Every structure is written in C-alpha cells, then in structure tokens.
Amino acid sequence: MQTNCGSGKDFQVDNNGWVVWVGAGNSYQGRITKNLWQTYLPAGATGNPWAYKLYFGHPILDRPLAGTGRRRARAAAISLATRCLTSA
C-alpha cells in the first residue's frame, strides 16, 4: 500500500491525520470541485486490500474484533497513517 500513498496517489493522509482513499490524481481537498463525494473503490478491486468499499475521503479504520476495545482500532489507524506518511 505504501507505493499508492502520498500526494497525487490513491491514498492520502487528510488534515485530521486519517488515511483516506481519494483515487489516483485526486486530493482529499478536491471533494467539492470535482464532485467526488459519491465515488468509491469497490471491495476486492485492484488496489483495495480491505474486504469492504472505500468511500472517497472517509477514514480507513482497522476495526477491532468484538471485545478488544477501541484502543486497538485507534492504534491501528495511527499505525496506518504513520506508514503512509513515511512513504510520501
């Protein structure tokens, strides 16, 4: 995923620090000017390592297993953002 992360690439870190899918050549800041709000990357599509749809600009969260708590999900999201930032 690191090769697809950074400015002008499929995945970017938004101004809140979340990793978001925006699609190649787009920016999380172009949501209104390019009318990208309803776009998504289908589950199982090339470039989507997750088993669910990724909607434009929505944070990508690694959901915890039942009973493991919210800290694990937050830690996973921070780890994902760190890996994305270090690849840019």
N, C-alpha and C. Protein backbone atom coordinates (compact mmCIF):
# COMPACT_ATOMS: atom_id res chain seq x y z
N MET A 1 0.81 -1.19 0.00
CA MET A 1 0.00 0.00 0.00
C MET A 1 0.86 1.26 0.00
N GLN A 2 2.06 1.20 0.56
CA GLN A 2 2.89 2.40 0.65
C GLN A 2 3.17 3.02 -0.71
N THR A 3 3.27 2.21 -1.76
CA THR A 3 3.55 2.76 -3.08
C THR A 3 2.36 3.55 -3.63
N ASN A 4 1.17 3.34 -3.08
CA ASN A 4 -0.04 4.05 -3.51
C ASN A 4 -0.44 5.15 -2.56
N CYS A 5 0.47 5.57 -1.70
CA CYS A 5 0.14 6.54 -0.67
C CYS A 5 0.99 7.81 -0.83
N GLY A 6 0.33 8.95 -0.80
CA GLY A 6 1.04 10.23 -0.89
C GLY A 6 0.32 11.18 -1.83
N SER A 7 0.87 12.34 -2.01
CA SER A 7 0.27 13.37 -2.84
C SER A 7 0.07 12.89 -4.27
N GLY A 8 -1.15 13.02 -4.79
CA GLY A 8 -1.48 12.61 -6.14
C GLY A 8 -1.72 11.12 -6.31
N LYS A 9 -1.66 10.36 -5.22
CA LYS A 9 -1.85 8.91 -5.29
C LYS A 9 -3.20 8.51 -4.71
N ASP A 10 -3.49 7.22 -4.74
CA ASP A 10 -4.80 6.70 -4.31
C ASP A 10 -5.13 6.99 -2.85
N PHE A 11 -4.15 6.86 -1.97
CA PHE A 11 -4.37 7.04 -0.53
C PHE A 11 -3.57 8.24 -0.05
N GLN A 12 -4.22 9.08 0.77
CA GLN A 12 -3.56 10.26 1.31
C GLN A 12 -3.94 10.43 2.77
N VAL A 13 -3.11 11.16 3.51
CA VAL A 13 -3.42 11.50 4.89
C VAL A 13 -4.09 12.87 4.86
N ASP A 14 -5.32 12.93 5.40
CA ASP A 14 -6.07 14.19 5.36
C ASP A 14 -5.61 15.15 6.45
N ASN A 15 -6.24 16.31 6.54
CA ASN A 15 -5.84 17.31 7.51
C ASN A 15 -6.14 16.92 8.95
N ASN A 16 -6.87 15.84 9.16
CA ASN A 16 -7.13 15.34 10.51
C ASN A 16 -6.19 14.18 10.88
N GLY A 17 -5.32 13.80 9.95
CA GLY A 17 -4.38 12.73 10.22
C GLY A 17 -4.87 11.34 9.86
N TRP A 18 -6.04 11.24 9.24
CA TRP A 18 -6.60 9.95 8.85
C TRP A 18 -6.13 9.57 7.44
N VAL A 19 -5.91 8.30 7.21
CA VAL A 19 -5.65 7.82 5.86
C VAL A 19 -7.00 7.68 5.17
N VAL A 20 -7.12 8.28 3.99
CA VAL A 20 -8.37 8.26 3.24
C VAL A 20 -8.09 7.84 1.80
N TRP A 21 -9.08 7.21 1.17
CA TRP A 21 -8.96 6.87 -0.25
C TRP A 21 -9.52 8.04 -1.05
N VAL A 22 -8.75 8.50 -2.05
CA VAL A 22 -9.21 9.60 -2.90
C VAL A 22 -9.13 9.25 -4.38
N GLY A 23 -8.44 8.18 -4.73
CA GLY A 23 -8.26 7.82 -6.13
C GLY A 23 -7.07 8.54 -6.73
N ALA A 24 -6.39 7.89 -7.64
CA ALA A 24 -5.19 8.45 -8.26
C ALA A 24 -5.49 9.78 -8.94
N GLY A 25 -4.61 10.75 -8.73
CA GLY A 25 -4.75 12.05 -9.37
C GLY A 25 -5.68 13.01 -8.65
N ASN A 26 -6.30 12.56 -7.56
CA ASN A 26 -7.21 13.41 -6.79
C ASN A 26 -6.57 13.81 -5.47
N SER A 27 -7.25 14.68 -4.77
CA SER A 27 -6.83 15.12 -3.44
C SER A 27 -8.05 15.12 -2.54
N TYR A 28 -7.85 14.87 -1.27
CA TYR A 28 -8.98 14.92 -0.33
C TYR A 28 -9.58 16.31 -0.29
N GLN A 29 -8.84 17.32 -0.75
CA GLN A 29 -9.35 18.69 -0.76
C GLN A 29 -10.21 18.99 -1.98
N GLY A 30 -10.23 18.09 -2.98
CA GLY A 30 -10.99 18.34 -4.20
C GLY A 30 -12.38 17.75 -4.18
N ARG A 31 -12.89 17.46 -3.02
CA ARG A 31 -14.17 16.78 -2.91
C ARG A 31 -15.34 17.54 -3.51
N ILE A 32 -15.33 18.85 -3.41
CA ILE A 32 -16.45 19.63 -3.92
C ILE A 32 -16.22 20.02 -5.38
N THR A 33 -15.04 20.51 -5.70
CA THR A 33 -14.78 20.99 -7.06
C THR A 33 -14.85 19.89 -8.10
N LYS A 34 -14.50 18.66 -7.73
CA LYS A 34 -14.56 17.54 -8.68
C LYS A 34 -15.79 16.66 -8.46
N ASN A 35 -16.63 17.02 -7.49
CA ASN A 35 -17.85 16.26 -7.18
C ASN A 35 -17.54 14.78 -6.93
N LEU A 36 -16.65 14.53 -5.99
CA LEU A 36 -16.18 13.17 -5.72
C LEU A 36 -16.88 12.51 -4.53
N TRP A 37 -17.84 13.16 -3.93
CA TRP A 37 -18.45 12.67 -2.69
C TRP A 37 -19.01 11.25 -2.80
N GLN A 38 -19.57 10.88 -3.92
CA GLN A 38 -20.23 9.57 -4.01
C GLN A 38 -19.36 8.51 -4.68
N THR A 39 -18.09 8.80 -4.92
CA THR A 39 -17.22 7.81 -5.55
C THR A 39 -16.69 6.83 -4.50
N TYR A 40 -16.39 5.63 -4.95
CA TYR A 40 -15.85 4.63 -4.03
C TYR A 40 -15.02 3.62 -4.80
N LEU A 41 -14.17 2.92 -4.06
CA LEU A 41 -13.37 1.83 -4.59
C LEU A 41 -14.05 0.54 -4.12
N PRO A 42 -14.55 -0.28 -5.04
CA PRO A 42 -15.28 -1.49 -4.64
C PRO A 42 -14.42 -2.47 -3.84
N ALA A 43 -15.06 -3.22 -2.98
CA ALA A 43 -14.38 -4.28 -2.24
C ALA A 43 -13.82 -5.28 -3.24
N GLY A 44 -12.60 -5.71 -3.05
CA GLY A 44 -11.99 -6.69 -3.92
C GLY A 44 -11.38 -6.12 -5.19
N ALA A 45 -11.52 -4.80 -5.40
CA ALA A 45 -10.95 -4.17 -6.60
C ALA A 45 -9.44 -4.10 -6.48
N THR A 46 -8.77 -4.02 -7.60
CA THR A 46 -7.32 -3.87 -7.59
C THR A 46 -6.96 -2.60 -6.83
N GLY A 47 -6.04 -2.71 -5.89
CA GLY A 47 -5.64 -1.57 -5.09
C GLY A 47 -6.41 -1.42 -3.79
N ASN A 48 -7.38 -2.29 -3.55
CA ASN A 48 -8.15 -2.24 -2.31
C ASN A 48 -7.84 -3.49 -1.48
N PRO A 49 -6.95 -3.36 -0.50
CA PRO A 49 -6.59 -4.52 0.31
C PRO A 49 -7.61 -4.89 1.38
N TRP A 50 -8.67 -4.07 1.51
CA TRP A 50 -9.69 -4.34 2.52
C TRP A 50 -10.88 -5.04 1.90
N ALA A 51 -11.66 -5.72 2.71
CA ALA A 51 -12.79 -6.51 2.21
C ALA A 51 -14.09 -5.71 2.22
N TYR A 52 -14.00 -4.39 2.14
CA TYR A 52 -15.20 -3.55 2.08
C TYR A 52 -14.93 -2.32 1.21
N LYS A 53 -16.00 -1.67 0.77
CA LYS A 53 -15.87 -0.48 -0.07
C LYS A 53 -15.11 0.62 0.67
N LEU A 54 -14.32 1.36 -0.08
CA LEU A 54 -13.66 2.54 0.47
C LEU A 54 -14.28 3.75 -0.20
N TYR A 55 -14.97 4.58 0.56
CA TYR A 55 -15.62 5.76 0.02
C TYR A 55 -14.65 6.94 0.02
N PHE A 56 -14.79 7.80 -0.97
CA PHE A 56 -13.91 8.95 -1.09
C PHE A 56 -13.88 9.76 0.20
N GLY A 57 -12.67 10.01 0.69
CA GLY A 57 -12.48 10.89 1.84
C GLY A 57 -12.84 10.32 3.20
N HIS A 58 -13.38 9.11 3.27
CA HIS A 58 -13.73 8.53 4.56
C HIS A 58 -12.50 7.89 5.20
N PRO A 59 -12.32 8.06 6.50
CA PRO A 59 -11.18 7.45 7.18
C PRO A 59 -11.19 5.93 7.04
N ILE A 60 -10.01 5.35 6.90
CA ILE A 60 -9.88 3.91 6.84
C ILE A 60 -9.50 3.44 8.24
N LEU A 61 -10.39 2.68 8.85
CA LEU A 61 -10.17 2.20 10.20
C LEU A 61 -10.00 0.69 10.20
N ASP A 62 -9.06 0.21 10.95
CA ASP A 62 -8.89 -1.22 11.14
C ASP A 62 -9.79 -1.58 12.32
N ARG A 63 -10.93 -2.15 12.02
CA ARG A 63 -11.93 -2.40 13.06
C ARG A 63 -11.48 -3.52 14.00
N PRO A 64 -11.65 -3.31 15.31
CA PRO A 64 -11.23 -4.35 16.27
C PRO A 64 -12.21 -5.52 16.30
N LEU A 65 -11.72 -6.63 16.73
CA LEU A 65 -12.59 -7.79 16.95
C LEU A 65 -13.48 -7.52 18.14
N ALA A 66 -14.60 -8.17 18.21
CA ALA A 66 -15.53 -7.98 19.32
C ALA A 66 -14.81 -8.20 20.65
N GLY A 67 -14.98 -7.25 21.55
CA GLY A 67 -14.41 -7.38 22.88
C GLY A 67 -12.98 -6.90 23.03
N THR A 68 -12.34 -6.42 21.95
CA THR A 68 -10.95 -5.99 22.07
C THR A 68 -10.81 -4.50 22.35
N GLY A 69 -11.89 -3.77 22.26
CA GLY A 69 -11.88 -2.37 22.64
C GLY A 69 -11.47 -1.40 21.55
N ARG A 70 -11.71 -0.11 21.84
CA ARG A 70 -11.46 0.96 20.87
C ARG A 70 -9.99 1.33 20.75
N ARG A 71 -9.21 1.11 21.80
CA ARG A 71 -7.80 1.49 21.75
C ARG A 71 -7.08 0.79 20.62
N ARG A 72 -7.41 -0.46 20.40
CA ARG A 72 -6.76 -1.22 19.34
C ARG A 72 -7.06 -0.62 17.97
N ALA A 73 -8.31 -0.21 17.74
CA ALA A 73 -8.69 0.39 16.46
C ALA A 73 -7.97 1.72 16.25
N ARG A 74 -7.89 2.53 17.28
CA ARG A 74 -7.20 3.83 17.17
C ARG A 74 -5.71 3.62 16.92
N ALA A 75 -5.11 2.66 17.61
CA ALA A 75 -3.69 2.37 17.42
C ALA A 75 -3.43 1.89 16.00
N ALA A 76 -4.32 1.07 15.46
CA ALA A 76 -4.15 0.57 14.09
C ALA A 76 -4.27 1.71 13.09
N ALA A 77 -5.19 2.65 13.31
CA ALA A 77 -5.35 3.79 12.41
C ALA A 77 -4.12 4.69 12.44
N ILE A 78 -3.55 4.89 13.63
CA ILE A 78 -2.34 5.70 13.76
C ILE A 78 -1.18 5.01 13.05
N SER A 79 -1.08 3.71 13.20
CA SER A 79 -0.02 2.96 12.54
C SER A 79 -0.14 3.07 11.03
N LEU A 80 -1.34 2.97 10.51
CA LEU A 80 -1.59 3.08 9.07
C LEU A 80 -1.19 4.46 8.57
N ALA A 81 -1.56 5.51 9.29
CA ALA A 81 -1.21 6.86 8.89
C ALA A 81 0.30 7.07 8.93
N THR A 82 0.97 6.51 9.92
CA THR A 82 2.41 6.63 10.03
C THR A 82 3.09 5.97 8.85
N ARG A 83 2.64 4.78 8.46
CA ARG A 83 3.22 4.09 7.31
C ARG A 83 2.99 4.88 6.03
N CYS A 84 1.83 5.51 5.91
CA CYS A 84 1.52 6.29 4.72
C CYS A 84 2.39 7.54 4.67
N LEU A 85 2.55 8.21 5.79
CA LEU A 85 3.35 9.44 5.84
C LEU A 85 4.82 9.15 5.54
N THR A 86 5.33 8.06 6.02
CA THR A 86 6.74 7.76 5.82
C THR A 86 7.05 7.34 4.39
N SER A 87 6.01 7.00 3.62
CA SER A 87 6.24 6.61 2.23
C SER A 87 6.17 7.78 1.28
N ALA A 88 5.61 8.90 1.76
CA ALA A 88 5.41 10.07 0.89
C ALA A 88 6.71 10.82 0.64
